[in-house]
Amino acid sequence: MNTGQAIREQGPARLPGQGGVTLLATVLIFSPLLQWLHLTVLSYFTLLEPPFTTSRGIVLAMQLFFAPGNILAVALGVGLTRRSEWSRRIVRALSLLAFGVAALQLGIQVATWRFDSNALLAGTTLIFTAVYVWYFGRPHVKQQFQARPHLARMDQATPEATAAAPSKPKHSRAVLICACVEILLGIAAIAVLWHLHDMFGATPLLDVGDGPGVADADGLVKMFVFVSLALLMSPHVLTTTASIGLLFGRATTNLARRYALIACWSAVGCLLLAAWLVERPGFAFDTRSARVLVAFCTFSLVWHLCFLYVVARAQPPANAQPARRKTTR
């Protein structure tokens, strides 16, 4: 009986190579930013290949940020930080595929001796994908991703240690304060959307003057922009729901962490879209509304990063009720 208590007090040993996994996962999470920096510097020395030939600044950042491949890379990077075994396998498979494609592109350019701006990108991709395939196939790295389920089974095998533990409060005070602020942020998101709806209804968005069909085109563009902004701000509804669960003592900590990660990504996307609307020629986006939107998204990004830090340090309470899941038989 004392063996289980001793195991829990000792805690899991730190596995070797955890810093390498975190570093490679961080590279995946920030891959849109790294690609933007790479292409921005490269554009000053050579002509970029399609579809980035005429893209610069905010337009290039939006192309890279909303690219499906980069969205998948960010999601897999988050999965690697959580030591998900499926994320490790998918990263290895996709890295092997990208390695083959990059090697083919680079090989064709070497064989024909005709190099373009994609040669440097293909060479960089070749090196990075080779590192990912090699590193995530090493035995001690695989052990990290298999350690989490093993520890969970060990905790289930020692119920007497859990029963002997003293009763804890449902959630720490820091988590409850963060949950309250998160709910207020969700209400603020609704207020910002309401303000944008009134602004789009009162002022035109297209700055092309009067003419046949201009009103219909302006209404279509305003609807598209408003729906895009609403979708980018919708993760605040998810974080608010998880925060309400925290206030009621539900075990929604993991849900709050996942939704906060999505909110961080959507806040960056909303900032890029707002900057594009302000700088885009032919658009008359309201300056005051742009400032409100930028201020809200900036605060949301900084706050959700702090929220992730607080929630990650908080341990799940012993007497918290598990989140309900619908099951079908």
Protein backbone atom coordinates (compact mmCIF):
# COMPACT_ATOMS: atom_id res chain seq x y z
CA MET A 1 0.00 0.00 0.00
CA ASN A 2 2.91 2.33 0.69
CA THR A 3 4.42 1.61 -2.74
CA GLY A 4 1.74 3.54 -4.65
CA GLN A 5 2.08 6.51 -2.28
CA ALA A 6 5.86 6.52 -2.76
CA ILE A 7 5.51 6.45 -6.54
CA ARG A 8 3.15 9.42 -6.52
CA GLU A 9 5.37 11.44 -4.18
CA GLN A 10 8.46 10.77 -6.28
CA GLY A 11 6.78 11.89 -9.53
CA PRO A 12 7.72 10.97 -13.08
CA ALA A 13 11.36 11.28 -14.03
CA ARG A 14 12.27 13.88 -16.64
CA LEU A 15 12.83 12.14 -19.95
CA PRO A 16 15.87 13.12 -22.05
CA GLY A 17 15.39 15.25 -25.14
CA GLN A 18 12.27 17.14 -24.06
CA GLY A 19 13.84 20.44 -25.07
CA GLY A 20 14.31 19.20 -28.64
CA VAL A 21 10.64 18.27 -28.98
CA THR A 22 9.57 21.64 -27.63
CA LEU A 23 11.94 23.47 -29.99
CA LEU A 24 10.72 21.63 -33.10
CA ALA A 25 7.09 22.08 -32.02
CA THR A 26 7.71 25.82 -31.60
CA VAL A 27 9.15 25.99 -35.12
CA LEU A 28 5.95 24.43 -36.46
CA ILE A 29 3.74 26.82 -34.48
CA PHE A 30 5.65 29.87 -35.75
CA SER A 31 6.15 28.49 -39.27
CA PRO A 32 3.88 31.15 -40.90
CA LEU A 33 5.97 33.92 -39.30
CA LEU A 34 9.25 32.26 -40.32
CA GLN A 35 8.04 31.83 -43.90
CA TRP A 36 6.90 35.45 -43.99
CA LEU A 37 10.32 36.66 -42.83
CA HIS A 38 12.06 34.38 -45.34
CA LEU A 39 9.97 35.52 -48.31
CA THR A 40 10.10 39.18 -47.28
CA VAL A 41 13.90 39.19 -47.19
CA LEU A 42 14.06 37.16 -50.39
CA SER A 43 11.78 39.61 -52.23
CA TYR A 44 14.44 42.34 -51.92
CA PHE A 45 16.96 40.26 -53.86
CA THR A 46 14.94 38.39 -56.48
CA LEU A 47 11.50 38.07 -58.05
CA LEU A 48 9.29 35.65 -56.14
CA GLU A 49 7.54 32.84 -57.94
CA PRO A 50 3.71 32.58 -58.11
CA PRO A 51 1.55 32.93 -56.08
CA PHE A 52 3.82 35.35 -54.17
CA THR A 53 5.05 37.40 -57.15
CA THR A 54 3.15 40.58 -56.28
CA SER A 55 2.54 39.88 -52.58
CA ARG A 56 4.22 42.04 -49.96
CA GLY A 57 3.65 42.97 -46.33
CA ILE A 58 0.16 42.33 -44.98
CA VAL A 59 -1.04 40.57 -48.14
CA LEU A 60 1.84 38.10 -48.00
CA ALA A 61 1.26 37.55 -44.27
CA MET A 62 -2.42 36.78 -44.89
CA GLN A 63 -1.58 34.36 -47.69
CA LEU A 64 0.78 32.45 -45.43
CA PHE A 65 -1.27 32.68 -42.23
CA PHE A 66 -4.48 31.34 -43.79
CA ALA A 67 -2.77 28.71 -45.96
CA PRO A 68 -4.18 25.23 -45.14
CA GLY A 69 -0.70 23.75 -44.87
CA ASN A 70 0.39 26.30 -42.29
CA ILE A 71 -2.83 25.87 -40.30
CA LEU A 72 -2.13 22.14 -40.19
CA ALA A 73 1.47 22.82 -39.14
CA VAL A 74 0.33 25.03 -36.25
CA ALA A 75 -2.18 22.39 -35.10
CA LEU A 76 0.46 19.65 -35.23
CA GLY A 77 2.92 21.86 -33.33
CA VAL A 78 0.38 22.29 -30.55
CA GLY A 79 -0.19 18.53 -30.55
CA LEU A 80 3.55 17.94 -30.18
CA THR A 81 3.71 20.25 -27.16
CA ARG A 82 0.95 18.13 -25.64
CA ARG A 83 3.01 14.99 -26.46
CA SER A 84 0.30 13.52 -28.68
CA GLU A 85 1.38 10.24 -30.27
CA TRP A 86 -0.86 10.81 -33.28
CA SER A 87 0.72 14.22 -33.85
CA ARG A 88 4.18 12.65 -33.84
CA ARG A 89 3.16 10.05 -36.41
CA ILE A 90 1.43 12.58 -38.67
CA VAL A 91 4.41 14.95 -38.47
CA ARG A 92 6.78 12.16 -39.51
CA ALA A 93 4.53 11.07 -42.40
CA LEU A 94 3.99 14.61 -43.71
CA SER A 95 7.67 15.47 -43.26
CA LEU A 96 8.62 12.40 -45.30
CA LEU A 97 6.19 13.45 -48.03
CA ALA A 98 7.47 17.05 -48.01
CA PHE A 99 11.04 15.75 -48.12
CA GLY A 100 10.27 13.81 -51.29
CA VAL A 101 8.54 16.78 -52.97
CA ALA A 102 11.36 19.20 -52.03
CA ALA A 103 14.01 16.73 -53.22
CA LEU A 104 12.19 16.35 -56.54
CA GLN A 105 11.92 20.12 -57.07
CA LEU A 106 15.55 20.70 -56.14
CA GLY A 107 16.70 17.77 -58.26
CA ILE A 108 14.89 19.09 -61.34
CA GLN A 109 16.49 22.51 -60.94
CA VAL A 110 19.95 20.99 -60.48
CA ALA A 111 19.51 18.70 -63.48
CA THR A 112 18.39 21.54 -65.75
CA TRP A 113 20.77 24.01 -64.07
CA ARG A 114 17.98 26.62 -63.94
CA PHE A 115 17.47 27.97 -60.45
CA ASP A 116 14.71 30.28 -59.23
CA SER A 117 13.62 31.71 -55.89
CA ASN A 118 12.03 28.39 -54.91
CA ALA A 119 15.43 26.67 -54.82
CA LEU A 120 16.37 28.19 -51.45
CA LEU A 121 12.93 27.40 -50.02
CA ALA A 122 13.15 23.81 -51.30
CA GLY A 123 16.61 23.39 -49.80
CA THR A 124 15.46 24.73 -46.44
CA THR A 125 12.42 22.46 -46.52
CA LEU A 126 14.67 19.50 -47.35
CA ILE A 127 16.84 20.13 -44.28
CA PHE A 128 13.98 20.75 -41.86
CA THR A 129 11.90 17.77 -42.97
CA ALA A 130 14.93 15.47 -42.73
CA VAL A 131 15.46 16.66 -39.15
CA TYR A 132 11.80 16.02 -38.27
CA VAL A 133 11.79 12.53 -39.79
CA TRP A 134 15.03 11.60 -38.05
CA TYR A 135 14.38 13.16 -34.65
CA PHE A 136 10.81 11.98 -34.11
CA GLY A 137 11.82 8.44 -34.99
CA ARG A 138 14.44 8.18 -32.25
CA PRO A 139 13.64 5.72 -29.41
CA HIS A 140 13.96 8.18 -26.53
CA VAL A 141 11.66 10.64 -28.32
CA LYS A 142 9.04 7.93 -28.85
CA GLN A 143 9.28 7.21 -25.14
CA GLN A 144 8.19 10.77 -24.32
CA PHE A 145 4.97 10.39 -26.31
CA GLN A 146 4.23 7.00 -24.73
CA ALA A 147 4.91 8.16 -21.15
CA ARG A 148 1.67 10.14 -20.67
CA PRO A 149 -0.75 7.17 -21.06
CA HIS A 150 1.56 5.04 -18.90
CA LEU A 151 1.44 7.57 -16.07
CA ALA A 152 -2.35 7.81 -16.39
CA ARG A 153 -2.68 4.03 -16.02
CA MET A 154 -0.33 4.12 -13.01
CA ASP A 155 -2.54 6.72 -11.34
CA GLN A 156 -5.60 4.56 -11.94
CA ALA A 157 -3.81 1.56 -10.45
CA THR A 158 -3.27 3.31 -7.08
CA PRO A 159 -6.75 4.41 -5.93
CA GLU A 160 -5.76 4.22 -2.28
CA ALA A 161 -3.25 7.04 -2.78
CA THR A 162 -5.93 9.21 -4.35
CA ALA A 163 -8.40 8.40 -1.59
CA ALA A 164 -5.83 9.27 1.07
CA ALA A 165 -5.11 12.69 -0.45
CA PRO A 166 -6.70 15.62 1.36
CA SER A 167 -9.64 17.40 -0.21
CA LYS A 168 -8.65 20.31 -2.45
CA PRO A 169 -10.66 23.33 -3.49
CA LYS A 170 -12.41 22.94 -6.81
CA HIS A 171 -10.14 25.41 -8.59
CA SER A 172 -7.44 27.81 -7.53
CA ARG A 173 -8.20 31.49 -7.10
CA ALA A 174 -6.04 32.42 -10.10
CA VAL A 175 -8.00 30.08 -12.38
CA LEU A 176 -11.32 31.45 -11.15
CA ILE A 177 -10.17 35.05 -11.71
CA CYS A 178 -9.01 34.15 -15.22
CA ALA A 179 -12.36 32.50 -15.89
CA CYS A 180 -14.21 35.67 -14.84
CA VAL A 181 -12.01 37.84 -17.07
CA GLU A 182 -12.54 35.38 -19.93
CA ILE A 183 -16.30 35.68 -19.59
CA LEU A 184 -16.03 39.48 -19.64
CA LEU A 185 -13.85 39.20 -22.75
CA GLY A 186 -16.54 37.11 -24.43
CA ILE A 187 -19.11 39.80 -23.65
CA ALA A 188 -16.71 42.40 -25.05
CA ALA A 189 -16.38 40.35 -28.26
CA ILE A 190 -20.16 40.49 -28.69
CA ALA A 191 -20.08 44.26 -28.15
CA VAL A 192 -17.33 44.69 -30.76
CA LEU A 193 -19.30 42.64 -33.29
CA TRP A 194 -22.40 44.71 -32.55
CA HIS A 195 -20.39 47.90 -33.14
CA LEU A 196 -19.03 46.54 -36.44
CA HIS A 197 -22.54 45.57 -37.54
CA ASP A 198 -23.81 49.10 -36.90
CA MET A 199 -20.75 50.60 -38.61
CA PHE A 200 -21.17 48.50 -41.75
CA GLY A 201 -24.85 49.44 -41.87
CA ALA A 202 -24.16 53.17 -41.65
CA THR A 203 -21.04 53.69 -43.80
CA PRO A 204 -20.00 52.27 -47.18
CA LEU A 205 -16.97 50.03 -47.39
CA LEU A 206 -16.06 50.44 -51.06
CA ASP A 207 -14.48 53.79 -51.84
CA VAL A 208 -15.30 53.88 -55.57
CA GLY A 209 -18.02 56.52 -55.70
CA ASP A 210 -21.62 56.19 -56.86
CA GLY A 211 -22.57 54.19 -59.90
CA PRO A 212 -24.73 51.33 -61.19
CA GLY A 213 -24.31 48.21 -59.10
CA VAL A 214 -22.02 49.84 -56.55
CA ALA A 215 -24.55 49.52 -53.71
CA ASP A 216 -25.05 45.80 -54.37
CA ALA A 217 -21.31 45.17 -54.59
CA ASP A 218 -20.72 47.18 -51.41
CA GLY A 219 -23.36 45.20 -49.54
CA LEU A 220 -21.87 41.88 -50.70
CA VAL A 221 -18.34 42.87 -49.68
CA LYS A 222 -19.52 44.17 -46.30
CA MET A 223 -21.39 40.93 -45.61
CA PHE A 224 -18.32 38.86 -46.53
CA VAL A 225 -16.01 40.97 -44.34
CA PHE A 226 -18.41 40.95 -41.38
CA VAL A 227 -18.88 37.17 -41.56
CA SER A 228 -15.10 36.71 -41.73
CA LEU A 229 -14.57 38.90 -38.67
CA ALA A 230 -17.37 37.13 -36.81
CA LEU A 231 -15.83 33.71 -37.55
CA LEU A 232 -12.42 34.89 -36.38
CA MET A 233 -13.93 36.19 -33.13
CA SER A 234 -16.19 33.18 -32.55
CA PRO A 235 -13.60 31.20 -30.48
CA HIS A 236 -14.37 33.64 -27.64
CA VAL A 237 -17.71 31.86 -27.32
CA LEU A 238 -15.87 28.57 -26.77
CA THR A 239 -13.51 30.02 -24.17
CA THR A 240 -16.44 31.68 -22.39
CA THR A 241 -18.30 28.36 -22.25
CA ALA A 242 -15.26 26.58 -20.81
CA SER A 243 -14.76 29.40 -18.28
CA ILE A 244 -18.35 29.10 -17.10
CA GLY A 245 -17.66 25.42 -16.55
CA LEU A 246 -14.62 26.32 -14.44
CA LEU A 247 -16.74 28.62 -12.26
CA PHE A 248 -19.19 25.78 -11.67
CA GLY A 249 -16.41 23.38 -10.71
CA ARG A 250 -16.42 21.35 -13.90
CA ALA A 251 -13.22 19.72 -15.18
CA THR A 252 -13.02 21.90 -18.30
CA THR A 253 -9.40 22.93 -17.86
CA ASN A 254 -8.21 21.03 -20.92
CA LEU A 255 -11.07 22.43 -22.98
CA ALA A 256 -10.21 25.97 -21.85
CA ARG A 257 -6.58 25.43 -22.84
CA ARG A 258 -7.50 24.16 -26.31
CA TYR A 259 -10.02 26.93 -26.94
CA ALA A 260 -7.52 29.56 -25.75
CA LEU A 261 -5.01 28.27 -28.31
CA ILE A 262 -7.62 28.60 -31.04
CA ALA A 263 -8.46 32.11 -29.78
CA CYS A 264 -4.79 33.11 -30.05
CA TRP A 265 -4.67 31.98 -33.67
CA SER A 266 -7.94 33.72 -34.53
CA ALA A 267 -6.81 36.95 -32.83
CA VAL A 268 -3.72 37.07 -35.06
CA GLY A 269 -5.90 36.41 -38.11
CA CYS A 270 -8.30 39.17 -37.10
CA LEU A 271 -5.39 41.60 -36.68
CA LEU A 272 -4.12 40.76 -40.17
CA LEU A 273 -7.57 41.19 -41.68
CA ALA A 274 -8.07 44.56 -39.96
CA ALA A 275 -4.67 45.79 -41.13
CA TRP A 276 -5.45 44.64 -44.68
CA LEU A 277 -8.79 46.48 -44.67
CA VAL A 278 -7.09 49.70 -43.56
CA GLU A 279 -4.23 49.53 -46.07
CA ARG A 280 -6.15 48.09 -49.04
CA PRO A 281 -6.76 50.70 -51.78
CA GLY A 282 -10.43 51.11 -52.64
CA PHE A 283 -11.68 50.34 -49.13
CA ALA A 284 -12.97 53.01 -46.75
CA PHE A 285 -12.83 51.07 -43.50
CA ASP A 286 -13.76 53.27 -40.54
CA THR A 287 -10.63 54.38 -38.66
CA ARG A 288 -12.28 54.37 -35.24
CA SER A 289 -13.66 50.86 -35.79
CA ALA A 290 -10.23 49.70 -36.94
CA ARG A 291 -8.65 51.02 -33.74
CA VAL A 292 -11.29 49.31 -31.61
CA LEU A 293 -10.78 46.04 -33.47
CA VAL A 294 -6.98 46.19 -33.26
CA ALA A 295 -7.08 47.07 -29.54
CA PHE A 296 -9.49 44.22 -28.78
CA CYS A 297 -7.53 41.64 -30.78
CA THR A 298 -4.22 42.72 -29.24
CA PHE A 299 -5.61 42.48 -25.72
CA SER A 300 -7.22 39.14 -26.58
CA LEU A 301 -3.93 37.71 -27.84
CA VAL A 302 -1.93 38.89 -24.82
CA TRP A 303 -4.63 37.81 -22.39
CA HIS A 304 -5.04 34.32 -23.84
CA LEU A 305 -1.28 33.77 -23.67
CA CYS A 306 -1.42 34.68 -19.97
CA PHE A 307 -4.52 32.51 -19.57
CA LEU A 308 -2.65 29.56 -21.11
CA TYR A 309 0.20 30.09 -18.66
CA VAL A 310 -2.09 30.16 -15.62
CA VAL A 311 -4.16 27.16 -16.72
CA ALA A 312 -1.07 25.14 -17.62
CA ARG A 313 0.34 25.64 -14.11
CA ALA A 314 -2.95 24.75 -12.43
CA GLN A 315 -3.41 21.12 -11.46
CA PRO A 316 -6.83 19.49 -12.01
CA PRO A 317 -8.72 19.47 -8.70
CA ALA A 318 -9.45 16.20 -6.98
CA ASN A 319 -13.17 16.85 -6.48
CA ALA A 320 -13.94 18.55 -9.80
CA GLN A 321 -16.77 16.96 -11.75
CA PRO A 322 -15.79 15.63 -15.18
CA ALA A 323 -17.17 17.36 -18.24
CA ARG A 324 -20.20 15.59 -19.62
CA ARG A 325 -19.92 13.85 -22.93
CA LYS A 326 -22.73 12.54 -25.03
CA THR A 327 -22.40 8.85 -25.70
CA THR A 328 -24.48 6.67 -27.97
CA ARG A 329 -24.97 2.96 -27.70
